[in-house]
N, C-alpha and C. Protein backbone atom coordinates (compact mmCIF):
# COMPACT_ATOMS: atom_id res chain seq x y z
N UNK A 1 -13.08 -86.04 -29.72
CA UNK A 1 -12.21 -84.89 -29.95
C UNK A 1 -12.72 -84.05 -31.13
N UNK A 2 -13.45 -84.67 -32.03
CA UNK A 2 -13.90 -83.97 -33.22
C UNK A 2 -14.79 -82.77 -32.89
N UNK A 3 -15.52 -82.84 -31.77
CA UNK A 3 -16.41 -81.74 -31.42
C UNK A 3 -15.75 -80.71 -30.51
N UNK A 4 -14.44 -80.82 -30.32
CA UNK A 4 -13.73 -79.87 -29.46
C UNK A 4 -12.85 -78.94 -30.28
N UNK A 5 -12.55 -77.80 -29.69
CA UNK A 5 -11.63 -76.85 -30.30
C UNK A 5 -10.21 -77.31 -29.96
N UNK A 6 -9.36 -77.43 -30.96
CA UNK A 6 -7.98 -77.84 -30.73
C UNK A 6 -7.11 -76.59 -30.74
N UNK A 7 -6.34 -76.41 -29.67
CA UNK A 7 -5.45 -75.26 -29.57
C UNK A 7 -4.02 -75.78 -29.54
N UNK A 8 -3.29 -75.49 -30.60
CA UNK A 8 -1.88 -75.84 -30.66
C UNK A 8 -1.07 -74.68 -30.12
N UNK A 9 -0.21 -74.95 -29.15
CA UNK A 9 0.66 -73.93 -28.59
C UNK A 9 2.09 -74.27 -29.00
N UNK A 10 2.62 -73.47 -29.92
CA UNK A 10 4.01 -73.65 -30.35
C UNK A 10 4.85 -72.74 -29.47
N UNK A 11 5.70 -73.35 -28.63
CA UNK A 11 6.43 -72.60 -27.61
C UNK A 11 7.89 -73.03 -27.54
N UNK A 12 8.64 -72.27 -26.75
CA UNK A 12 10.02 -72.65 -26.42
C UNK A 12 10.19 -72.42 -24.92
N UNK A 13 11.44 -72.33 -24.46
CA UNK A 13 11.66 -72.19 -23.01
C UNK A 13 11.87 -70.74 -22.58
N UNK A 14 11.49 -69.79 -23.41
CA UNK A 14 11.68 -68.38 -23.08
C UNK A 14 10.44 -67.78 -22.41
N UNK A 15 10.61 -66.59 -21.83
CA UNK A 15 9.54 -65.97 -21.05
C UNK A 15 8.24 -65.71 -21.83
N UNK A 16 8.28 -65.22 -23.07
CA UNK A 16 7.01 -65.01 -23.78
C UNK A 16 6.18 -66.30 -23.90
N UNK A 17 6.84 -67.42 -24.13
CA UNK A 17 6.13 -68.70 -24.21
C UNK A 17 5.53 -69.06 -22.85
N UNK A 18 6.29 -68.83 -21.80
CA UNK A 18 5.79 -69.13 -20.44
C UNK A 18 4.55 -68.29 -20.14
N UNK A 19 4.55 -67.04 -20.58
CA UNK A 19 3.39 -66.16 -20.36
C UNK A 19 2.16 -66.68 -21.11
N UNK A 20 2.35 -67.12 -22.33
CA UNK A 20 1.23 -67.64 -23.12
C UNK A 20 0.67 -68.90 -22.47
N UNK A 21 1.55 -69.81 -22.05
CA UNK A 21 1.09 -71.04 -21.40
C UNK A 21 0.36 -70.73 -20.10
N UNK A 22 0.86 -69.75 -19.36
CA UNK A 22 0.20 -69.35 -18.11
C UNK A 22 -1.18 -68.79 -18.41
N UNK A 23 -1.29 -67.98 -19.46
CA UNK A 23 -2.58 -67.41 -19.85
C UNK A 23 -3.59 -68.50 -20.19
N UNK A 24 -3.13 -69.57 -20.85
CA UNK A 24 -4.03 -70.66 -21.21
C UNK A 24 -4.60 -71.39 -19.99
N UNK A 25 -3.88 -71.30 -18.87
CA UNK A 25 -4.37 -71.98 -17.66
C UNK A 25 -5.16 -71.03 -16.75
N UNK A 26 -5.32 -69.77 -17.15
CA UNK A 26 -6.07 -68.80 -16.36
C UNK A 26 -7.54 -69.25 -16.23
N UNK A 27 -8.17 -69.01 -15.06
CA UNK A 27 -9.56 -69.45 -14.87
C UNK A 27 -10.54 -68.91 -15.93
N UNK A 28 -10.30 -67.71 -16.42
CA UNK A 28 -11.19 -67.13 -17.43
C UNK A 28 -11.18 -67.97 -18.72
N UNK A 29 -10.01 -68.49 -19.06
CA UNK A 29 -9.87 -69.38 -20.22
C UNK A 29 -10.28 -70.80 -19.82
N UNK A 30 -9.91 -71.16 -18.60
CA UNK A 30 -10.12 -72.51 -18.10
C UNK A 30 -11.56 -72.95 -18.00
N UNK A 31 -12.48 -71.98 -17.91
CA UNK A 31 -13.88 -72.38 -17.77
C UNK A 31 -14.39 -73.14 -19.00
N UNK A 32 -13.65 -73.07 -20.11
CA UNK A 32 -14.04 -73.80 -21.31
C UNK A 32 -13.07 -74.94 -21.64
N UNK A 33 -12.21 -75.30 -20.70
CA UNK A 33 -11.23 -76.36 -20.97
C UNK A 33 -11.89 -77.67 -21.37
N UNK A 34 -13.10 -77.93 -20.89
CA UNK A 34 -13.79 -79.18 -21.26
C UNK A 34 -14.23 -79.19 -22.72
N UNK A 35 -14.20 -78.04 -23.36
CA UNK A 35 -14.60 -77.94 -24.77
C UNK A 35 -13.38 -77.82 -25.70
N UNK A 36 -12.19 -77.96 -25.09
CA UNK A 36 -10.97 -77.76 -25.87
C UNK A 36 -9.97 -78.87 -25.62
N UNK A 37 -9.05 -79.02 -26.58
CA UNK A 37 -7.92 -79.94 -26.44
C UNK A 37 -6.68 -79.11 -26.69
N UNK A 38 -5.73 -79.18 -25.77
CA UNK A 38 -4.48 -78.43 -25.94
C UNK A 38 -3.37 -79.35 -26.39
N UNK A 39 -2.60 -78.88 -27.35
CA UNK A 39 -1.44 -79.63 -27.82
C UNK A 39 -0.25 -78.69 -27.76
N UNK A 40 0.69 -79.01 -26.89
CA UNK A 40 1.89 -78.18 -26.73
C UNK A 40 2.99 -78.74 -27.62
N UNK A 41 3.54 -77.88 -28.47
CA UNK A 41 4.63 -78.28 -29.37
C UNK A 41 5.83 -77.39 -29.08
N UNK A 42 6.98 -78.01 -28.96
CA UNK A 42 8.20 -77.25 -28.71
C UNK A 42 8.83 -76.88 -30.05
N UNK A 43 9.06 -75.58 -30.23
CA UNK A 43 9.71 -75.09 -31.44
C UNK A 43 8.80 -75.05 -32.65
N UNK A 44 9.40 -74.65 -33.78
CA UNK A 44 8.61 -74.58 -35.01
C UNK A 44 9.28 -75.33 -36.16
N UNK A 45 10.25 -76.16 -35.81
CA UNK A 45 10.94 -76.96 -36.82
C UNK A 45 10.35 -78.36 -36.90
N UNK A 46 9.07 -78.43 -37.24
CA UNK A 46 8.43 -79.72 -37.39
C UNK A 46 7.36 -79.61 -38.47
N UNK A 47 6.88 -80.77 -38.92
CA UNK A 47 5.91 -80.80 -40.03
C UNK A 47 4.63 -80.05 -39.70
N UNK A 48 4.14 -80.23 -38.47
CA UNK A 48 2.89 -79.57 -38.09
C UNK A 48 3.04 -78.05 -38.14
N UNK A 49 4.17 -77.55 -37.64
CA UNK A 49 4.41 -76.10 -37.67
C UNK A 49 4.46 -75.59 -39.10
N UNK A 50 5.08 -76.36 -39.98
CA UNK A 50 5.14 -75.97 -41.40
C UNK A 50 3.74 -75.96 -42.01
N UNK A 51 2.98 -77.01 -41.72
CA UNK A 51 1.62 -77.13 -42.26
C UNK A 51 0.74 -75.97 -41.78
N UNK A 52 0.91 -75.58 -40.53
CA UNK A 52 0.09 -74.52 -39.94
C UNK A 52 0.71 -73.13 -40.11
N UNK A 53 1.81 -73.06 -40.83
CA UNK A 53 2.48 -71.79 -41.16
C UNK A 53 2.87 -70.98 -39.91
N UNK A 54 3.48 -71.67 -38.96
CA UNK A 54 3.93 -71.01 -37.74
C UNK A 54 5.25 -70.29 -38.04
N UNK A 55 5.24 -68.97 -37.88
CA UNK A 55 6.42 -68.17 -38.21
C UNK A 55 7.19 -67.72 -36.98
N UNK A 56 6.50 -67.55 -35.85
CA UNK A 56 7.16 -67.06 -34.65
C UNK A 56 6.80 -67.94 -33.45
N UNK A 57 7.62 -67.82 -32.42
CA UNK A 57 7.37 -68.52 -31.16
C UNK A 57 7.20 -67.45 -30.10
N UNK A 58 6.20 -67.46 -29.28
CA UNK A 58 5.11 -68.44 -29.24
C UNK A 58 4.04 -68.13 -30.29
N UNK A 59 3.33 -69.16 -30.69
CA UNK A 59 2.17 -69.02 -31.58
C UNK A 59 1.08 -69.96 -31.11
N UNK A 60 -0.14 -69.46 -31.08
CA UNK A 60 -1.31 -70.29 -30.80
C UNK A 60 -2.07 -70.47 -32.10
N UNK A 61 -2.42 -71.71 -32.41
CA UNK A 61 -3.20 -72.00 -33.61
C UNK A 61 -4.49 -72.69 -33.15
N UNK A 62 -5.62 -72.13 -33.56
CA UNK A 62 -6.93 -72.65 -33.18
C UNK A 62 -7.55 -73.38 -34.36
N UNK A 63 -7.86 -74.66 -34.16
CA UNK A 63 -8.48 -75.47 -35.21
C UNK A 63 -9.77 -76.10 -34.69
N UNK A 64 -10.76 -76.15 -35.56
CA UNK A 64 -12.04 -76.79 -35.22
C UNK A 64 -12.24 -77.98 -36.16
N UNK A 65 -11.86 -79.19 -35.72
CA UNK A 65 -11.95 -80.38 -36.57
C UNK A 65 -13.38 -80.68 -37.05
N UNK A 66 -14.38 -80.19 -36.33
CA UNK A 66 -15.76 -80.49 -36.72
C UNK A 66 -16.21 -79.68 -37.94
N UNK A 67 -15.47 -78.64 -38.29
CA UNK A 67 -15.84 -77.83 -39.45
C UNK A 67 -15.26 -78.45 -40.72
N UNK A 68 -15.81 -78.04 -41.86
CA UNK A 68 -15.27 -78.57 -43.11
C UNK A 68 -13.86 -78.04 -43.32
N UNK A 69 -13.07 -78.79 -44.05
CA UNK A 69 -11.64 -78.56 -44.23
C UNK A 69 -11.27 -77.09 -44.43
N UNK A 70 -11.97 -76.41 -45.31
CA UNK A 70 -11.62 -75.03 -45.66
C UNK A 70 -11.88 -74.03 -44.53
N UNK A 71 -12.66 -74.43 -43.52
CA UNK A 71 -13.02 -73.52 -42.43
C UNK A 71 -12.41 -73.91 -41.09
N UNK A 72 -11.61 -74.97 -41.06
CA UNK A 72 -11.10 -75.48 -39.78
C UNK A 72 -10.17 -74.53 -39.04
N UNK A 73 -9.34 -73.82 -39.78
CA UNK A 73 -8.40 -72.90 -39.14
C UNK A 73 -9.19 -71.66 -38.68
N UNK A 74 -9.36 -71.52 -37.39
CA UNK A 74 -10.12 -70.40 -36.84
C UNK A 74 -9.23 -69.17 -36.75
N UNK A 75 -8.03 -69.35 -36.22
CA UNK A 75 -7.13 -68.20 -36.04
C UNK A 75 -5.72 -68.68 -35.75
N UNK A 76 -4.78 -67.77 -35.93
CA UNK A 76 -3.37 -68.01 -35.63
C UNK A 76 -2.86 -66.74 -34.97
N UNK A 77 -2.39 -66.86 -33.73
CA UNK A 77 -1.89 -65.70 -32.99
C UNK A 77 -0.41 -65.89 -32.69
N UNK A 78 0.42 -65.05 -33.29
CA UNK A 78 1.86 -65.15 -33.07
C UNK A 78 2.32 -64.13 -32.05
N UNK A 79 3.37 -64.46 -31.33
CA UNK A 79 3.93 -63.55 -30.34
C UNK A 79 3.13 -63.58 -29.04
N UNK A 80 3.43 -62.62 -28.16
CA UNK A 80 2.72 -62.58 -26.89
C UNK A 80 1.26 -62.23 -27.17
N UNK A 81 0.39 -62.81 -26.43
CA UNK A 81 -1.03 -62.56 -26.62
C UNK A 81 -1.70 -62.33 -25.26
N UNK A 82 -2.80 -61.61 -25.27
CA UNK A 82 -3.47 -61.25 -24.03
C UNK A 82 -4.59 -62.24 -23.72
N UNK A 83 -5.01 -62.25 -22.47
CA UNK A 83 -6.14 -63.09 -22.07
C UNK A 83 -7.37 -62.72 -22.88
N UNK A 84 -7.59 -61.43 -23.06
CA UNK A 84 -8.77 -60.98 -23.81
C UNK A 84 -8.74 -61.51 -25.24
N UNK A 85 -7.57 -61.49 -25.85
CA UNK A 85 -7.42 -61.97 -27.22
C UNK A 85 -7.69 -63.48 -27.29
N UNK A 86 -7.16 -64.24 -26.34
CA UNK A 86 -7.38 -65.68 -26.31
C UNK A 86 -8.86 -65.97 -26.12
N UNK A 87 -9.48 -65.27 -25.19
CA UNK A 87 -10.91 -65.48 -24.89
C UNK A 87 -11.78 -65.14 -26.11
N UNK A 88 -11.46 -64.04 -26.78
CA UNK A 88 -12.23 -63.63 -27.95
C UNK A 88 -12.15 -64.68 -29.06
N UNK A 89 -10.96 -65.23 -29.26
CA UNK A 89 -10.78 -66.26 -30.28
C UNK A 89 -11.54 -67.53 -29.90
N UNK A 90 -11.50 -67.90 -28.61
CA UNK A 90 -12.26 -69.06 -28.14
C UNK A 90 -13.74 -68.88 -28.47
N UNK A 91 -14.28 -67.73 -28.09
CA UNK A 91 -15.71 -67.48 -28.29
C UNK A 91 -16.08 -67.53 -29.77
N UNK A 92 -15.22 -66.92 -30.61
CA UNK A 92 -15.46 -66.93 -32.05
C UNK A 92 -15.49 -68.37 -32.57
N UNK A 93 -14.56 -69.18 -32.10
CA UNK A 93 -14.49 -70.58 -32.53
C UNK A 93 -15.72 -71.36 -32.09
N UNK A 94 -16.12 -71.19 -30.82
CA UNK A 94 -17.27 -71.92 -30.31
C UNK A 94 -18.54 -71.53 -31.07
N UNK A 95 -18.68 -70.25 -31.40
CA UNK A 95 -19.86 -69.80 -32.15
C UNK A 95 -19.88 -70.42 -33.55
N UNK A 96 -18.72 -70.45 -34.20
CA UNK A 96 -18.63 -71.06 -35.53
C UNK A 96 -18.98 -72.55 -35.48
N UNK A 97 -18.45 -73.23 -34.47
CA UNK A 97 -18.70 -74.65 -34.31
C UNK A 97 -20.17 -74.93 -34.02
N UNK A 98 -20.78 -74.09 -33.19
CA UNK A 98 -22.19 -74.26 -32.83
C UNK A 98 -23.05 -74.05 -34.07
N UNK A 99 -22.75 -73.01 -34.83
CA UNK A 99 -23.51 -72.71 -36.04
C UNK A 99 -23.42 -73.86 -37.04
N UNK A 100 -22.22 -74.41 -37.20
CA UNK A 100 -22.00 -75.51 -38.14
C UNK A 100 -22.74 -76.77 -37.71
N UNK A 101 -22.91 -76.94 -36.40
CA UNK A 101 -23.57 -78.15 -35.88
C UNK A 101 -25.09 -78.06 -35.97
N UNK A 102 -25.61 -76.85 -36.10
CA UNK A 102 -27.07 -76.67 -36.20
C UNK A 102 -27.56 -77.18 -37.55
N UNK A 103 -28.72 -77.83 -37.54
CA UNK A 103 -29.27 -78.29 -38.81
C UNK A 103 -29.64 -77.10 -39.69
N UNK A 104 -29.41 -77.23 -40.95
CA UNK A 104 -29.73 -76.14 -41.89
C UNK A 104 -31.24 -75.96 -41.95
N UNK A 105 -31.68 -74.74 -41.76
CA UNK A 105 -33.12 -74.47 -41.83
C UNK A 105 -33.46 -73.82 -43.15
N UNK A 106 -34.59 -74.20 -43.67
CA UNK A 106 -35.01 -73.64 -44.96
C UNK A 106 -36.20 -72.73 -44.79
């Protein structure tokens, strides 16, 4: 799991959350599901939500455990989000992770 992008989805039972969850299962996003781990959390009244500073529902939080502590949080998207926005954040995260995994060249 350390080499995968972790996507936390903080949701509730309302329509905006349903739209975000549906977007995450879209084939355009799904083509990278093998490189990601999804964690669905209901609500924002929990320790993880506090730690990740979740202010609104729905919120997607992208973390890269393979990066050093200060760089792990890739992005936080609150409210309704578009497929393009999700895809762009995925790509940004994968590029950061790939760069971090490359040996430092001198």
